[in-house]
Amino acid sequence: MKIVTYKILNGTLNLFKLPNGKIVHIPTEALPQLKESLIPDIACYIQVKQNNGQFKAETALARISDLQEYSIEDAVSFFEAPKDFFDLEEL
């Protein structure tokens, strides 16, 4: 599985998509759990675009089996950021 990473001022967002279309960030320190975890869920942060154009993160649990690859093109559109802020990396 590949991860879209978004380089922001204070770190990196590791982005995945859920079947319902929501975009989630999995913290870097939790990424190994995607391969090794015996539990079905993982803590994540749903990325929510507010009416004022700002983003907020809502804490949630997501099924590991529901995580889908996200594309750089979709990330550029959603976050309205230059393409060079994003990378595609192997999990």
PDB file of N, CA and C in Angstrom:
ATOM      1  N   MET A   1       0.847  -1.183   0.000  1.00  0.00           N
ATOM      2  CA  MET A   1       0.000   0.000   0.000  1.00  0.00           C
ATOM      3  C   MET A   1       0.884   1.236   0.000  1.00  0.00           C
ATOM      4  N   LYS A   2       0.435   2.236  -0.703  1.00  0.00           N
ATOM      5  CA  LYS A   2       1.184   3.495  -0.752  1.00  0.00           C
ATOM      6  C   LYS A   2       0.485   4.547   0.107  1.00  0.00           C
ATOM      7  N   ILE A   3       1.287   5.497   0.597  1.00  0.00           N
ATOM      8  CA  ILE A   3       0.816   6.572   1.457  1.00  0.00           C
ATOM      9  C   ILE A   3       1.115   7.898   0.767  1.00  0.00           C
ATOM     10  N   VAL A   4       0.148   8.790   0.773  1.00  0.00           N
ATOM     11  CA  VAL A   4       0.412  10.162   0.349  1.00  0.00           C
ATOM     12  C   VAL A   4       0.848  10.916   1.602  1.00  0.00           C
ATOM     13  N   THR A   5       2.036  11.506   1.551  1.00  0.00           N
ATOM     14  CA  THR A   5       2.505  12.320   2.663  1.00  0.00           C
ATOM     15  C   THR A   5       2.413  13.787   2.262  1.00  0.00           C
ATOM     16  N   TYR A   6       1.987  14.591   3.211  1.00  0.00           N
ATOM     17  CA  TYR A   6       1.794  16.018   2.998  1.00  0.00           C
ATOM     18  C   TYR A   6       2.709  16.743   3.972  1.00  0.00           C
ATOM     19  N   LYS A   7       3.714  17.424   3.416  1.00  0.00           N
ATOM     20  CA  LYS A   7       4.685  18.146   4.245  1.00  0.00           C
ATOM     21  C   LYS A   7       4.107  19.498   4.635  1.00  0.00           C
ATOM     22  N   ILE A   8       3.906  19.679   5.928  1.00  0.00           N
ATOM     23  CA  ILE A   8       3.386  20.937   6.456  1.00  0.00           C
ATOM     24  C   ILE A   8       4.418  21.525   7.401  1.00  0.00           C
ATOM     25  N   LEU A   9       4.200  22.733   7.869  1.00  0.00           N
ATOM     26  CA  LEU A   9       5.192  23.444   8.684  1.00  0.00           C
ATOM     27  C   LEU A   9       5.671  22.660   9.898  1.00  0.00           C
ATOM     28  N   ASN A  10       4.762  22.038  10.608  1.00  0.00           N
ATOM     29  CA  ASN A  10       5.159  21.377  11.848  1.00  0.00           C
ATOM     30  C   ASN A  10       5.212  19.858  11.735  1.00  0.00           C
ATOM     31  N   GLY A  11       5.363  19.315  10.541  1.00  0.00           N
ATOM     32  CA  GLY A  11       5.486  17.866  10.407  1.00  0.00           C
ATOM     33  C   GLY A  11       4.955  17.354   9.088  1.00  0.00           C
ATOM     34  N   THR A  12       4.448  16.132   9.136  1.00  0.00           N
ATOM     35  CA  THR A  12       3.964  15.454   7.942  1.00  0.00           C
ATOM     36  C   THR A  12       2.630  14.786   8.253  1.00  0.00           C
ATOM     37  N   LEU A  13       1.709  14.891   7.316  1.00  0.00           N
ATOM     38  CA  LEU A  13       0.459  14.142   7.416  1.00  0.00           C
ATOM     39  C   LEU A  13       0.576  12.911   6.523  1.00  0.00           C
ATOM     40  N   ASN A  14       0.227  11.745   7.055  1.00  0.00           N
ATOM     41  CA  ASN A  14       0.203  10.493   6.306  1.00  0.00           C
ATOM     42  C   ASN A  14      -1.256  10.233   5.954  1.00  0.00           C
ATOM     43  N   LEU A  15      -1.601  10.389   4.693  1.00  0.00           N
ATOM     44  CA  LEU A  15      -2.997  10.447   4.290  1.00  0.00           C
ATOM     45  C   LEU A  15      -3.494   9.165   3.625  1.00  0.00           C
ATOM     46  N   PHE A  16      -4.702   8.779   4.025  1.00  0.00           N
ATOM     47  CA  PHE A  16      -5.424   7.654   3.447  1.00  0.00           C
ATOM     48  C   PHE A  16      -6.860   8.105   3.210  1.00  0.00           C
ATOM     49  N   LYS A  17      -7.585   7.324   2.431  1.00  0.00           N
ATOM     50  CA  LYS A  17      -8.993   7.600   2.176  1.00  0.00           C
ATOM     51  C   LYS A  17      -9.812   6.459   2.766  1.00  0.00           C
ATOM     52  N   LEU A  18     -10.999   6.778   3.273  1.00  0.00           N
ATOM     53  CA  LEU A  18     -11.943   5.778   3.750  1.00  0.00           C
ATOM     54  C   LEU A  18     -13.008   5.542   2.679  1.00  0.00           C
ATOM     55  N   PRO A  19     -13.710   4.413   2.726  1.00  0.00           N
ATOM     56  CA  PRO A  19     -14.745   4.141   1.720  1.00  0.00           C
ATOM     57  C   PRO A  19     -15.830   5.219   1.651  1.00  0.00           C
ATOM     58  N   ASN A  20     -16.063   5.936   2.750  1.00  0.00           N
ATOM     59  CA  ASN A  20     -17.082   6.992   2.737  1.00  0.00           C
ATOM     60  C   ASN A  20     -16.550   8.303   2.159  1.00  0.00           C
ATOM     61  N   GLY A  21     -15.300   8.297   1.671  1.00  0.00           N
ATOM     62  CA  GLY A  21     -14.713   9.473   1.045  1.00  0.00           C
ATOM     63  C   GLY A  21     -13.942  10.379   1.990  1.00  0.00           C
ATOM     64  N   LYS A  22     -14.014  10.118   3.291  1.00  0.00           N
ATOM     65  CA  LYS A  22     -13.293  10.959   4.247  1.00  0.00           C
ATOM     66  C   LYS A  22     -11.791  10.703   4.137  1.00  0.00           C
ATOM     67  N   ILE A  23     -11.027  11.766   4.395  1.00  0.00           N
ATOM     68  CA  ILE A  23      -9.569  11.703   4.353  1.00  0.00           C
ATOM     69  C   ILE A  23      -9.069  11.623   5.790  1.00  0.00           C
ATOM     70  N   VAL A  24      -8.172  10.666   6.056  1.00  0.00           N
ATOM     71  CA  VAL A  24      -7.652  10.511   7.417  1.00  0.00           C
ATOM     72  C   VAL A  24      -6.138  10.564   7.429  1.00  0.00           C
ATOM     73  N   HIS A  25      -5.620  11.047   8.552  1.00  0.00           N
ATOM     74  CA  HIS A  25      -4.180  11.076   8.816  1.00  0.00           C
ATOM     75  C   HIS A  25      -3.887  10.044   9.885  1.00  0.00           C
ATOM     76  N   ILE A  26      -2.888   9.200   9.632  1.00  0.00           N
ATOM     77  CA  ILE A  26      -2.387   8.239  10.618  1.00  0.00           C
ATOM     78  C   ILE A  26      -1.020   8.748  11.051  1.00  0.00           C
ATOM     79  N   PRO A  27      -0.814   8.993  12.361  1.00  0.00           N
ATOM     80  CA  PRO A  27       0.492   9.474  12.822  1.00  0.00           C
ATOM     81  C   PRO A  27       1.624   8.517  12.419  1.00  0.00           C
ATOM     82  N   THR A  28       2.775   9.089  12.120  1.00  0.00           N
ATOM     83  CA  THR A  28       3.924   8.298  11.662  1.00  0.00           C
ATOM     84  C   THR A  28       4.260   7.163  12.619  1.00  0.00           C
ATOM     85  N   GLU A  29       4.219   7.435  13.929  1.00  0.00           N
ATOM     86  CA  GLU A  29       4.574   6.396  14.894  1.00  0.00           C
ATOM     87  C   GLU A  29       3.576   5.245  14.912  1.00  0.00           C
ATOM     88  N   ALA A  30       2.389   5.430  14.355  1.00  0.00           N
ATOM     89  CA  ALA A  30       1.369   4.377  14.324  1.00  0.00           C
ATOM     90  C   ALA A  30       1.389   3.578  13.015  1.00  0.00           C
ATOM     91  N   LEU A  31       2.123   4.025  12.013  1.00  0.00           N
ATOM     92  CA  LEU A  31       2.126   3.343  10.719  1.00  0.00           C
ATOM     93  C   LEU A  31       2.525   1.870  10.803  1.00  0.00           C
ATOM     94  N   PRO A  32       3.509   1.484  11.642  1.00  0.00           N
ATOM     95  CA  PRO A  32       3.841   0.055  11.723  1.00  0.00           C
ATOM     96  C   PRO A  32       2.656  -0.821  12.140  1.00  0.00           C
ATOM     97  N   GLN A  33       1.712  -0.268  12.856  1.00  0.00           N
ATOM     98  CA  GLN A  33       0.536  -1.039  13.272  1.00  0.00           C
ATOM     99  C   GLN A  33      -0.309  -1.482  12.085  1.00  0.00           C
ATOM    100  N   LEU A  34      -0.211  -0.770  10.974  1.00  0.00           N
ATOM    101  CA  LEU A  34      -1.005  -1.140   9.801  1.00  0.00           C
ATOM    102  C   LEU A  34      -0.601  -2.508   9.272  1.00  0.00           C
ATOM    103  N   LYS A  35       0.644  -2.878   9.454  1.00  0.00           N
ATOM    104  CA  LYS A  35       1.126  -4.174   8.984  1.00  0.00           C
ATOM    105  C   LYS A  35       1.116  -5.225  10.087  1.00  0.00           C
ATOM    106  N   GLU A  36       1.348  -4.806  11.333  1.00  0.00           N
ATOM    107  CA  GLU A  36       1.607  -5.754  12.412  1.00  0.00           C
ATOM    108  C   GLU A  36       0.471  -5.923  13.408  1.00  0.00           C
ATOM    109  N   SER A  37      -0.544  -5.108  13.328  1.00  0.00           N
ATOM    110  CA  SER A  37      -1.557  -5.075  14.364  1.00  0.00           C
ATOM    111  C   SER A  37      -2.468  -6.295  14.338  1.00  0.00           C
ATOM    112  N   LEU A  38      -2.796  -6.761  15.521  1.00  0.00           N
ATOM    113  CA  LEU A  38      -3.762  -7.829  15.669  1.00  0.00           C
ATOM    114  C   LEU A  38      -5.152  -7.278  15.964  1.00  0.00           C
ATOM    115  N   ILE A  39      -5.220  -5.970  16.202  1.00  0.00           N
ATOM    116  CA  ILE A  39      -6.512  -5.349  16.448  1.00  0.00           C
ATOM    117  C   ILE A  39      -7.039  -4.760  15.139  1.00  0.00           C
ATOM    118  N   PRO A  40      -8.361  -4.713  14.984  1.00  0.00           N
ATOM    119  CA  PRO A  40      -8.903  -4.297  13.680  1.00  0.00           C
ATOM    120  C   PRO A  40      -8.950  -2.788  13.450  1.00  0.00           C
ATOM    121  N   ASP A  41      -8.833  -1.981  14.514  1.00  0.00           N
ATOM    122  CA  ASP A  41      -8.990  -0.534  14.377  1.00  0.00           C
ATOM    123  C   ASP A  41      -7.707   0.210  14.708  1.00  0.00           C
ATOM    124  N   ILE A  42      -7.606   1.420  14.185  1.00  0.00           N
ATOM    125  CA  ILE A  42      -6.457   2.271  14.465  1.00  0.00           C
ATOM    126  C   ILE A  42      -6.953   3.698  14.701  1.00  0.00           C
ATOM    127  N   ALA A  43      -6.291   4.392  15.618  1.00  0.00           N
ATOM    128  CA  ALA A  43      -6.631   5.798  15.869  1.00  0.00           C
ATOM    129  C   ALA A  43      -6.169   6.629  14.678  1.00  0.00           C
ATOM    130  N   CYS A  44      -7.001   7.584  14.301  1.00  0.00           N
ATOM    131  CA  CYS A  44      -6.665   8.444  13.175  1.00  0.00           C
ATOM    132  C   CYS A  44      -7.302   9.805  13.383  1.00  0.00           C
ATOM    133  N   TYR A  45      -7.006  10.696  12.475  1.00  0.00           N
ATOM    134  CA  TYR A  45      -7.546  12.047  12.520  1.00  0.00           C
ATOM    135  C   TYR A  45      -8.216  12.332  11.185  1.00  0.00           C
ATOM    136  N   ILE A  46      -9.535  12.492  11.218  1.00  0.00           N
ATOM    137  CA  ILE A  46     -10.281  12.829  10.008  1.00  0.00           C
ATOM    138  C   ILE A  46     -10.007  14.295   9.676  1.00  0.00           C
ATOM    139  N   GLN A  47      -9.620  14.557   8.444  1.00  0.00           N
ATOM    140  CA  GLN A  47      -9.328  15.912   7.990  1.00  0.00           C
ATOM    141  C   GLN A  47     -10.621  16.561   7.513  1.00  0.00           C
ATOM    142  N   VAL A  48     -11.015  17.633   8.162  1.00  0.00           N
ATOM    143  CA  VAL A  48     -12.280  18.301   7.849  1.00  0.00           C
ATOM    144  C   VAL A  48     -11.992  19.719   7.363  1.00  0.00           C
ATOM    145  N   LYS A  49     -12.510  20.035   6.187  1.00  0.00           N
ATOM    146  CA  LYS A  49     -12.369  21.380   5.635  1.00  0.00           C
ATOM    147  C   LYS A  49     -13.559  22.205   6.115  1.00  0.00           C
ATOM    148  N   GLN A  50     -13.272  23.283   6.822  1.00  0.00           N
ATOM    149  CA  GLN A  50     -14.315  24.134   7.367  1.00  0.00           C
ATOM    150  C   GLN A  50     -14.763  25.173   6.336  1.00  0.00           C
ATOM    151  N   ASN A  51     -15.879  25.824   6.598  1.00  0.00           N
ATOM    152  CA  ASN A  51     -16.425  26.821   5.671  1.00  0.00           C
ATOM    153  C   ASN A  51     -15.465  27.984   5.415  1.00  0.00           C
ATOM    154  N   ASN A  52     -14.599  28.298   6.391  1.00  0.00           N
ATOM    155  CA  ASN A  52     -13.664  29.408   6.234  1.00  0.00           C
ATOM    156  C   ASN A  52     -12.381  29.001   5.496  1.00  0.00           C
ATOM    157  N   GLY A  53     -12.333  27.756   5.006  1.00  0.00           N
ATOM    158  CA  GLY A  53     -11.160  27.283   4.272  1.00  0.00           C
ATOM    159  C   GLY A  53     -10.085  26.666   5.140  1.00  0.00           C
ATOM    160  N   GLN A  54     -10.220  26.793   6.438  1.00  0.00           N
ATOM    161  CA  GLN A  54      -9.263  26.191   7.363  1.00  0.00           C
ATOM    162  C   GLN A  54      -9.579  24.705   7.523  1.00  0.00           C
ATOM    163  N   PHE A  55      -8.606  23.972   8.059  1.00  0.00           N
ATOM    164  CA  PHE A  55      -8.789  22.544   8.287  1.00  0.00           C
ATOM    165  C   PHE A  55      -8.739  22.268   9.774  1.00  0.00           C
ATOM    166  N   LYS A  56      -9.501  21.268  10.178  1.00  0.00           N
ATOM    167  CA  LYS A  56      -9.406  20.800  11.548  1.00  0.00           C
ATOM    168  C   LYS A  56      -9.362  19.279  11.483  1.00  0.00           C
ATOM    169  N   ALA A  57      -8.845  18.689  12.548  1.00  0.00           N
ATOM    170  CA  ALA A  57      -8.747  17.233  12.620  1.00  0.00           C
ATOM    171  C   ALA A  57      -9.658  16.732  13.729  1.00  0.00           C
ATOM    172  N   GLU A  58     -10.443  15.722  13.404  1.00  0.00           N
ATOM    173  CA  GLU A  58     -11.327  15.103  14.379  1.00  0.00           C
ATOM    174  C   GLU A  58     -10.808  13.709  14.675  1.00  0.00           C
ATOM    175  N   THR A  59     -10.592  13.429  15.947  1.00  0.00           N
ATOM    176  CA  THR A  59     -10.095  12.125  16.367  1.00  0.00           C
ATOM    177  C   THR A  59     -11.150  11.055  16.110  1.00  0.00           C
ATOM    178  N   ALA A  60     -10.710   9.916  15.609  1.00  0.00           N
ATOM    179  CA  ALA A  60     -11.640   8.831  15.309  1.00  0.00           C
ATOM    180  C   ALA A  60     -10.901   7.494  15.320  1.00  0.00           C
ATOM    181  N   LEU A  61     -11.655   6.434  15.235  1.00  0.00           N
ATOM    182  CA  LEU A  61     -11.104   5.100  15.000  1.00  0.00           C
ATOM    183  C   LEU A  61     -11.519   4.675  13.601  1.00  0.00           C
ATOM    184  N   ALA A  62     -10.601   4.055  12.892  1.00  0.00           N
ATOM    185  CA  ALA A  62     -10.915   3.556  11.555  1.00  0.00           C
ATOM    186  C   ALA A  62     -10.517   2.086  11.488  1.00  0.00           C
ATOM    187  N   ARG A  63     -11.279   1.343  10.742  1.00  0.00           N
ATOM    188  CA  ARG A  63     -10.915  -0.048  10.494  1.00  0.00           C
ATOM    189  C   ARG A  63      -9.676  -0.046   9.595  1.00  0.00           C
ATOM    190  N   ILE A  64      -8.680  -0.791  10.009  1.00  0.00           N
ATOM    191  CA  ILE A  64      -7.459  -0.880   9.201  1.00  0.00           C
ATOM    192  C   ILE A  64      -7.800  -1.409   7.803  1.00  0.00           C
ATOM    193  N   SER A  65      -8.706  -2.359   7.743  1.00  0.00           N
ATOM    194  CA  SER A  65      -9.091  -2.942   6.445  1.00  0.00           C
ATOM    195  C   SER A  65      -9.829  -1.945   5.546  1.00  0.00           C
ATOM    196  N   ASP A  66     -10.329  -0.850   6.111  1.00  0.00           N
ATOM    197  CA  ASP A  66     -11.040   0.170   5.318  1.00  0.00           C
ATOM    198  C   ASP A  66     -10.105   1.215   4.708  1.00  0.00           C
ATOM    199  N   LEU A  67      -8.866   1.290   5.161  1.00  0.00           N
ATOM    200  CA  LEU A  67      -7.942   2.307   4.647  1.00  0.00           C
ATOM    201  C   LEU A  67      -7.630   2.040   3.185  1.00  0.00           C
ATOM    202  N   GLN A  68      -7.760   3.068   2.376  1.00  0.00           N
ATOM    203  CA  GLN A  68      -7.493   2.965   0.946  1.00  0.00           C
ATOM    204  C   GLN A  68      -6.405   3.956   0.552  1.00  0.00           C
ATOM    205  N   GLU A  69      -5.731   3.638  -0.538  1.00  0.00           N
ATOM    206  CA  GLU A  69      -4.725   4.570  -1.048  1.00  0.00           C
ATOM    207  C   GLU A  69      -5.404   5.857  -1.496  1.00  0.00           C
ATOM    208  N   TYR A  70      -4.700   6.947  -1.291  1.00  0.00           N
ATOM    209  CA  TYR A  70      -5.168   8.279  -1.652  1.00  0.00           C
ATOM    210  C   TYR A  70      -4.236   8.782  -2.744  1.00  0.00           C
ATOM    211  N   SER A  71      -4.717   9.593  -3.647  1.00  0.00           N
ATOM    212  CA  SER A  71      -3.862  10.068  -4.743  1.00  0.00           C
ATOM    213  C   SER A  71      -3.345  11.473  -4.457  1.00  0.00           C
ATOM    214  N   ILE A  72      -2.189  11.774  -5.011  1.00  0.00           N
ATOM    215  CA  ILE A  72      -1.617  13.115  -4.876  1.00  0.00           C
ATOM    216  C   ILE A  72      -2.543  14.143  -5.519  1.00  0.00           C
ATOM    217  N   GLU A  73      -3.118  13.810  -6.669  1.00  0.00           N
ATOM    218  CA  GLU A  73      -4.005  14.746  -7.355  1.00  0.00           C
ATOM    219  C   GLU A  73      -5.209  15.104  -6.478  1.00  0.00           C
ATOM    220  N   ASP A  74      -5.792  14.105  -5.819  1.00  0.00           N
ATOM    221  CA  ASP A  74      -6.927  14.368  -4.929  1.00  0.00           C
ATOM    222  C   ASP A  74      -6.494  15.185  -3.713  1.00  0.00           C
ATOM    223  N   ALA A  75      -5.297  14.905  -3.205  1.00  0.00           N
ATOM    224  CA  ALA A  75      -4.787  15.656  -2.049  1.00  0.00           C
ATOM    225  C   ALA A  75      -4.554  17.122  -2.409  1.00  0.00           C
ATOM    226  N   VAL A  76      -3.979  17.371  -3.577  1.00  0.00           N
ATOM    227  CA  VAL A  76      -3.745  18.744  -4.033  1.00  0.00           C
ATOM    228  C   VAL A  76      -5.072  19.495  -4.114  1.00  0.00           C
ATOM    229  N   SER A  77      -6.084  18.845  -4.643  1.00  0.00           N
ATOM    230  CA  SER A  77      -7.393  19.470  -4.774  1.00  0.00           C
ATOM    231  C   SER A  77      -8.035  19.717  -3.403  1.00  0.00           C
ATOM    232  N   PHE A  78      -7.997  18.727  -2.529  1.00  0.00           N
ATOM    233  CA  PHE A  78      -8.642  18.852  -1.220  1.00  0.00           C
ATOM    234  C   PHE A  78      -7.967  19.906  -0.354  1.00  0.00           C
ATOM    235  N   PHE A  79      -6.638  19.863  -0.277  1.00  0.00           N
ATOM    236  CA  PHE A  79      -5.901  20.780   0.602  1.00  0.00           C
ATOM    237  C   PHE A  79      -5.562  22.106  -0.068  1.00  0.00           C
ATOM    238  N   GLU A  80      -5.803  22.195  -1.383  1.00  0.00           N
ATOM    239  CA  GLU A  80      -5.495  23.404  -2.139  1.00  0.00           C
ATOM    240  C   GLU A  80      -4.047  23.847  -1.903  1.00  0.00           C
ATOM    241  N   ALA A  81      -3.139  22.897  -2.084  1.00  0.00           N
ATOM    242  CA  ALA A  81      -1.711  23.138  -1.865  1.00  0.00           C
ATOM    243  C   ALA A  81      -0.948  22.708  -3.117  1.00  0.00           C
ATOM    244  N   PRO A  82       0.250  23.267  -3.312  1.00  0.00           N
ATOM    245  CA  PRO A  82       1.058  22.884  -4.477  1.00  0.00           C
ATOM    246  C   PRO A  82       1.428  21.397  -4.451  1.00  0.00           C
ATOM    247  N   LYS A  83       1.514  20.820  -5.626  1.00  0.00           N
ATOM    248  CA  LYS A  83       1.818  19.395  -5.768  1.00  0.00           C
ATOM    249  C   LYS A  83       3.144  19.017  -5.121  1.00  0.00           C
ATOM    250  N   ASP A  84       4.117  19.931  -5.105  1.00  0.00           N
ATOM    251  CA  ASP A  84       5.429  19.583  -4.544  1.00  0.00           C
ATOM    252  C   ASP A  84       5.413  19.480  -3.016  1.00  0.00           C
ATOM    253  N   PHE A  85       4.288  19.742  -2.369  1.00  0.00           N
ATOM    254  CA  PHE A  85       4.157  19.543  -0.921  1.00  0.00           C
ATOM    255  C   PHE A  85       3.817  18.084  -0.594  1.00  0.00           C
ATOM    256  N   PHE A  86       3.536  17.283  -1.625  1.00  0.00           N
ATOM    257  CA  PHE A  86       3.077  15.907  -1.432  1.00  0.00           C
ATOM    258  C   PHE A  86       4.073  14.914  -2.038  1.00  0.00           C
ATOM    259  N   ASP A  87       4.143  13.742  -1.412  1.00  0.00           N
ATOM    260  CA  ASP A  87       4.941  12.630  -1.940  1.00  0.00           C
ATOM    261  C   ASP A  87       4.118  11.359  -1.841  1.00  0.00           C
ATOM    262  N   LEU A  88       4.448  10.388  -2.665  1.00  0.00           N
ATOM    263  CA  LEU A  88       3.833   9.080  -2.598  1.00  0.00           C
ATOM    264  C   LEU A  88       4.903   8.111  -2.124  1.00  0.00           C
ATOM    265  N   GLU A  89       4.659   7.445  -0.996  1.00  0.00           N
ATOM    266  CA  GLU A  89       5.654   6.567  -0.389  1.00  0.00           C
ATOM    267  C   GLU A  89       5.052   5.199  -0.149  1.00  0.00           C
ATOM    268  N   GLU A  90       5.904   4.193  -0.141  1.00  0.00           N
ATOM    269  CA  GLU A  90       5.481   2.839   0.167  1.00  0.00           C
ATOM    270  C   GLU A  90       5.346   2.675   1.671  1.00  0.00           C
ATOM    271  N   LEU A  91       4.305   1.974   2.091  1.00  0.00           N
ATOM    272  CA  LEU A  91       4.090   1.735   3.518  1.00  0.00           C
ATOM    273  C   LEU A  91       5.144   0.778   4.042  1.00  0.00           C
TER     274      LEU A  91
END
